[in-house]
Amino acid sequence: MRKVLSVTLFVFLIAACTGSVEKKEEKAEDERNQLIMQYLQGIWVDDNTGLPMLKIKNDSIFLASQVNAPFCFSISGDTLQAKSSEQTTYRIVKIEEHVFQFYTSLGDLVSLHKSDTDTIPFGYQPVAKPEKKVIEKDSVFYFQGKRYRGYAYINPSTKKVFRPTVTEEGMIVDNVYYDNIIHICVYQGKQCLYAKDIEKEMFAATVPDDFLQMSILSDMSFIGVDSDGYHYQATISMPDDLSCYYVNLLIDEEGVLTFKLKE
């Protein structure tokens, strides 16, 4: 019985010691990471160009001369973890109070030194708010002797679209754009035959999801009337890119709206 108790006590003591060591190591790691975060606060200048490259405030990184959203980050050991629409890690080479070196997503070594003052011109460009101007489009078509006028009102919204991109320095950042909500309506004379707000999310079953998430509903045109109903064509486009999808919208005589990718 004494042997069993002795063995049990020995195992308990080992477990307690191991747990205590692990807690001390975790505490030391947390303290180190907090110290690094303190070192990183301020404006960092590229050693090669002498130009400000980034500004760190609390847990956010702002890139100079970039129209993009600042991104949050954390430090874990020798890794900087960037938190945006795409999770990215950067391997840290060296961090001291005035020295910061790391490898970019392209594998290039970036060497920075901290500016002596936070008043140095930084050049960060905040994301511009969407213009409130509404674009109005209309077209007229005749069918069976009747005149139909279709409208499309392209309304800027506050819905943000994030599209990751790689900067010249090899940093992955989110460019920010604003989506549109488009109001469509069809009239015969003064009578409104159909009206509806169209949003990008309504195309989820038609446009591939990976494209849809980073695109905007950019345009809409009334393209005709026939025995099937009223026809519109929407454009889902990638901001600052030529890539897009054209989707045909059909409103039948019952007012049912269907979407079909243009072939």
Protein backbone atom coordinates (compact mmCIF):
# COMPACT_ATOMS: atom_id res chain seq x y z
CA MET A 1 0.00 0.00 0.00
CA ARG A 2 2.82 2.40 0.89
CA LYS A 3 4.50 1.66 -2.45
CA VAL A 4 1.30 2.51 -4.32
CA LEU A 5 0.93 5.76 -2.38
CA SER A 6 4.56 6.65 -2.99
CA VAL A 7 4.28 6.06 -6.72
CA THR A 8 1.04 8.05 -6.91
CA LEU A 9 2.56 10.95 -4.98
CA PHE A 10 5.66 10.89 -7.18
CA VAL A 11 3.56 11.03 -10.36
CA PHE A 12 1.48 13.87 -8.91
CA LEU A 13 4.59 15.88 -8.04
CA ILE A 14 6.02 15.42 -11.54
CA ALA A 15 2.73 16.54 -13.11
CA ALA A 16 2.56 19.56 -10.81
CA CYS A 17 6.14 20.54 -11.63
CA THR A 18 5.53 20.10 -15.36
CA GLY A 19 2.39 22.23 -15.22
CA SER A 20 4.22 24.91 -13.25
CA VAL A 21 7.07 25.02 -15.79
CA GLU A 22 4.62 25.27 -18.70
CA LYS A 23 2.76 28.16 -17.04
CA LYS A 24 6.04 29.99 -16.42
CA GLU A 25 7.06 29.49 -20.05
CA GLU A 26 3.67 30.74 -21.28
CA LYS A 27 3.92 33.78 -19.01
CA ALA A 28 7.45 34.52 -20.24
CA GLU A 29 6.29 34.18 -23.86
CA ASP A 30 3.34 36.53 -23.27
CA GLU A 31 5.61 39.10 -21.62
CA ARG A 32 8.05 38.86 -24.55
CA ASN A 33 5.26 39.34 -27.08
CA GLN A 34 3.92 42.36 -25.17
CA LEU A 35 7.40 43.89 -25.12
CA ILE A 36 7.71 43.36 -28.88
CA MET A 37 4.35 45.06 -29.41
CA GLN A 38 5.65 48.05 -27.45
CA TYR A 39 8.81 48.16 -29.58
CA LEU A 40 6.74 48.13 -32.77
CA GLN A 41 4.62 51.20 -31.99
CA GLY A 42 5.42 54.11 -34.30
CA ILE A 43 6.45 54.81 -37.90
CA TRP A 44 8.95 52.49 -39.60
CA VAL A 45 11.24 53.64 -42.41
CA ASP A 46 12.69 51.46 -45.18
CA ASP A 47 16.48 51.17 -44.81
CA ASN A 48 16.96 51.07 -48.59
CA THR A 49 14.74 53.95 -49.72
CA GLY A 50 14.65 56.09 -46.60
CA LEU A 51 10.88 56.40 -47.04
CA PRO A 52 8.22 55.58 -44.46
CA MET A 53 6.76 52.15 -45.16
CA LEU A 54 4.35 51.42 -42.35
CA LYS A 55 2.89 52.77 -39.15
CA ILE A 56 1.94 50.60 -36.21
CA LYS A 57 -0.63 51.82 -33.72
CA ASN A 58 -1.80 49.43 -31.01
CA ASP A 59 -2.53 46.18 -32.90
CA SER A 60 -3.09 47.77 -36.34
CA ILE A 61 -0.70 48.24 -39.26
CA PHE A 62 -1.15 51.12 -41.73
CA LEU A 63 0.79 51.05 -45.00
CA ALA A 64 2.11 54.30 -46.49
CA SER A 65 0.69 55.60 -49.79
CA GLN A 66 -1.81 52.76 -50.03
CA VAL A 67 -5.58 53.11 -50.35
CA ASN A 68 -6.45 50.11 -48.25
CA ALA A 69 -7.80 49.10 -44.89
CA PRO A 70 -5.39 48.90 -41.96
CA PHE A 71 -5.12 45.34 -40.71
CA CYS A 72 -4.84 43.88 -37.25
CA PHE A 73 -1.91 41.70 -36.28
CA SER A 74 -0.47 39.71 -33.42
CA ILE A 75 2.96 38.37 -32.51
CA SER A 76 3.61 34.73 -31.71
CA GLY A 77 7.25 33.78 -31.27
CA ASP A 78 9.10 34.67 -34.46
CA THR A 79 5.91 35.10 -36.49
CA LEU A 80 3.80 38.15 -37.28
CA GLN A 81 0.23 37.05 -37.95
CA ALA A 82 -1.76 39.48 -40.12
CA LYS A 83 -5.52 39.31 -39.77
CA SER A 84 -7.49 40.51 -42.79
CA SER A 85 -9.76 38.78 -45.32
CA GLU A 86 -6.81 36.44 -45.89
CA GLN A 87 -4.80 35.27 -42.88
CA THR A 88 -1.11 35.83 -43.63
CA THR A 89 2.04 35.13 -41.65
CA TYR A 90 5.42 36.87 -41.93
CA ARG A 91 8.59 35.39 -40.47
CA ILE A 92 10.36 37.83 -38.18
CA VAL A 93 14.15 37.96 -38.44
CA LYS A 94 14.90 40.65 -35.89
CA ILE A 95 13.02 43.01 -33.61
CA GLU A 96 14.69 45.54 -31.38
CA GLU A 97 13.58 48.92 -30.09
CA HIS A 98 14.63 50.62 -33.34
CA VAL A 99 15.11 47.67 -35.72
CA PHE A 100 12.48 45.55 -37.48
CA GLN A 101 13.32 42.89 -40.08
CA PHE A 102 10.96 40.33 -41.60
CA TYR A 103 10.32 38.32 -44.75
CA THR A 104 7.41 39.33 -47.00
CA SER A 105 4.92 36.99 -48.67
CA LEU A 106 7.22 37.10 -51.73
CA GLY A 107 10.20 35.92 -49.69
CA ASP A 108 12.02 39.27 -49.73
CA LEU A 109 13.79 40.54 -46.62
CA VAL A 110 12.50 43.92 -45.43
CA SER A 111 14.76 45.96 -43.14
CA LEU A 112 13.22 48.89 -41.31
CA HIS A 113 14.28 51.37 -38.68
CA LYS A 114 11.99 53.37 -36.46
CA SER A 115 11.50 57.06 -37.12
CA ASP A 116 12.60 59.34 -34.30
CA THR A 117 9.32 61.21 -34.53
CA ASP A 118 5.69 60.32 -35.21
CA THR A 119 5.21 63.63 -37.04
CA ILE A 120 7.14 62.49 -40.13
CA PRO A 121 4.92 62.71 -43.27
CA PHE A 122 3.44 59.25 -43.64
CA GLY A 123 1.12 59.45 -46.65
CA TYR A 124 -1.55 57.02 -45.49
CA GLN A 125 -4.67 57.40 -47.60
CA PRO A 126 -7.92 56.51 -45.83
CA VAL A 127 -10.56 54.71 -47.84
CA ALA A 128 -12.75 57.24 -49.61
CA LYS A 129 -16.44 57.08 -48.76
CA PRO A 130 -18.79 56.25 -51.63
CA GLU A 131 -20.19 59.11 -53.68
CA LYS A 132 -23.87 59.77 -53.09
CA LYS A 133 -24.52 60.38 -56.78
CA VAL A 134 -27.17 58.06 -58.25
CA ILE A 135 -26.72 57.02 -61.88
CA GLU A 136 -30.01 56.79 -63.80
CA LYS A 137 -30.36 54.73 -66.98
CA ASP A 138 -33.43 54.08 -69.10
CA SER A 139 -34.34 52.43 -72.39
CA VAL A 140 -37.53 52.17 -74.44
CA PHE A 141 -38.78 49.06 -76.27
CA TYR A 142 -41.96 48.29 -78.18
CA PHE A 143 -43.76 44.96 -78.06
CA GLN A 144 -47.07 44.17 -79.75
CA GLY A 145 -47.67 47.85 -80.34
CA LYS A 146 -47.14 48.84 -76.70
CA ARG A 147 -44.37 51.09 -75.43
CA TYR A 148 -42.31 50.02 -72.40
CA ARG A 149 -39.69 52.09 -70.59
CA GLY A 150 -37.30 50.34 -68.23
CA TYR A 151 -35.21 52.17 -65.64
CA ALA A 152 -32.12 51.27 -63.64
CA TYR A 153 -30.99 53.46 -60.73
CA ILE A 154 -27.46 52.61 -59.61
CA ASN A 155 -27.24 53.64 -55.96
CA PRO A 156 -23.90 53.67 -54.09
CA SER A 157 -24.21 51.83 -50.78
CA THR A 158 -22.14 51.58 -47.61
CA LYS A 159 -21.60 47.83 -48.07
CA LYS A 160 -17.86 47.22 -48.15
CA VAL A 161 -16.15 44.75 -50.47
CA PHE A 162 -12.65 43.59 -49.53
CA ARG A 163 -10.23 42.41 -52.20
CA PRO A 164 -6.75 41.25 -51.12
CA THR A 165 -3.79 42.46 -53.13
CA VAL A 166 -0.01 42.36 -52.85
CA THR A 167 1.77 45.70 -52.49
CA GLU A 168 5.10 46.55 -54.11
CA GLU A 169 6.72 45.70 -50.78
CA GLY A 170 5.20 42.21 -50.78
CA MET A 171 2.59 42.86 -48.09
CA ILE A 172 -0.86 41.34 -48.53
CA VAL A 173 -3.51 43.96 -47.80
CA ASP A 174 -7.23 44.46 -48.33
CA ASN A 175 -8.28 47.07 -50.84
CA VAL A 176 -11.71 48.39 -49.90
CA TYR A 177 -14.52 49.14 -52.32
CA TYR A 178 -18.20 49.96 -51.93
CA ASP A 179 -20.95 47.92 -53.54
CA ASN A 180 -24.09 49.23 -55.27
CA ILE A 181 -27.77 48.56 -54.86
CA ILE A 182 -29.63 48.91 -58.16
CA HIS A 183 -33.31 49.73 -58.35
CA ILE A 184 -35.07 48.51 -61.48
CA CYS A 185 -38.57 49.38 -62.64
CA VAL A 186 -40.62 48.98 -65.82
CA TYR A 187 -43.34 51.42 -66.88
CA GLN A 188 -46.04 51.47 -69.51
CA GLY A 189 -47.01 55.10 -69.68
CA LYS A 190 -47.47 56.20 -66.06
CA GLN A 191 -48.26 52.70 -64.84
CA CYS A 192 -45.50 50.89 -62.95
CA LEU A 193 -45.54 47.26 -64.04
CA TYR A 194 -42.62 46.05 -61.91
CA ALA A 195 -40.14 47.46 -59.38
CA LYS A 196 -37.44 45.87 -57.23
CA ASP A 197 -34.10 46.57 -55.53
CA ILE A 198 -31.34 44.29 -56.82
CA GLU A 199 -28.36 43.45 -54.59
CA LYS A 200 -25.24 41.43 -55.30
CA GLU A 201 -26.20 38.67 -52.87
CA MET A 202 -29.14 37.77 -55.09
CA PHE A 203 -26.67 36.37 -57.66
CA ALA A 204 -25.26 33.75 -55.27
CA ALA A 205 -26.74 30.83 -57.21
CA THR A 206 -25.49 32.19 -60.55
CA VAL A 207 -21.99 33.64 -60.06
CA PRO A 208 -19.14 31.57 -58.50
CA ASP A 209 -18.85 32.38 -54.80
CA ASP A 210 -15.10 33.15 -54.79
CA PHE A 211 -15.67 35.77 -57.50
CA LEU A 212 -18.88 37.13 -56.02
CA GLN A 213 -17.33 37.79 -52.60
CA MET A 214 -14.73 40.19 -54.03
CA SER A 215 -16.83 41.80 -56.76
CA ILE A 216 -19.42 44.56 -56.99
CA LEU A 217 -22.75 44.93 -58.74
CA SER A 218 -21.50 47.57 -61.15
CA ASP A 219 -24.10 48.01 -63.89
CA MET A 220 -27.63 47.20 -65.05
CA SER A 221 -29.38 47.74 -68.40
CA PHE A 222 -32.94 47.24 -69.61
CA ILE A 223 -32.47 45.20 -72.79
CA GLY A 224 -35.92 44.28 -74.07
CA VAL A 225 -39.50 43.01 -73.82
CA ASP A 226 -40.97 39.88 -75.41
CA SER A 227 -43.55 37.18 -74.76
CA ASP A 228 -41.42 35.83 -71.90
CA GLY A 229 -41.39 39.13 -70.01
CA TYR A 230 -39.06 42.04 -69.25
CA HIS A 231 -35.32 41.59 -69.73
CA TYR A 232 -32.44 43.23 -67.87
CA GLN A 233 -28.72 42.51 -67.94
CA ALA A 234 -26.56 42.95 -64.85
CA THR A 235 -22.79 43.26 -64.68
CA ILE A 236 -20.92 41.75 -61.73
CA SER A 237 -17.35 43.02 -61.98
CA MET A 238 -14.07 42.79 -60.12
CA PRO A 239 -12.96 46.26 -58.95
CA ASP A 240 -9.95 47.68 -60.81
CA ASP A 241 -10.03 44.68 -63.14
CA LEU A 242 -11.54 43.73 -66.49
CA SER A 243 -12.98 40.48 -65.14
CA CYS A 244 -16.76 40.36 -64.97
CA TYR A 245 -19.87 38.21 -65.33
CA TYR A 246 -22.95 39.22 -67.30
CA VAL A 247 -26.20 37.92 -65.89
CA ASN A 248 -29.57 38.10 -67.64
CA LEU A 249 -32.59 38.90 -65.50
CA LEU A 250 -36.10 37.91 -66.59
CA ILE A 251 -39.32 39.15 -65.00
CA ASP A 252 -42.27 37.07 -66.23
CA GLU A 253 -45.94 38.08 -66.37
CA GLU A 254 -46.42 36.85 -62.80
CA GLY A 255 -43.63 39.11 -61.56
CA VAL A 256 -41.28 36.19 -60.88
CA LEU A 257 -37.61 37.17 -61.22
CA THR A 258 -35.07 34.64 -62.50
CA PHE A 259 -31.33 34.88 -63.12
CA LYS A 260 -29.32 33.22 -65.89
CA LEU A 261 -25.63 33.57 -66.68
CA LYS A 262 -25.08 35.00 -70.15
CA GLU A 263 -23.58 32.39 -72.44
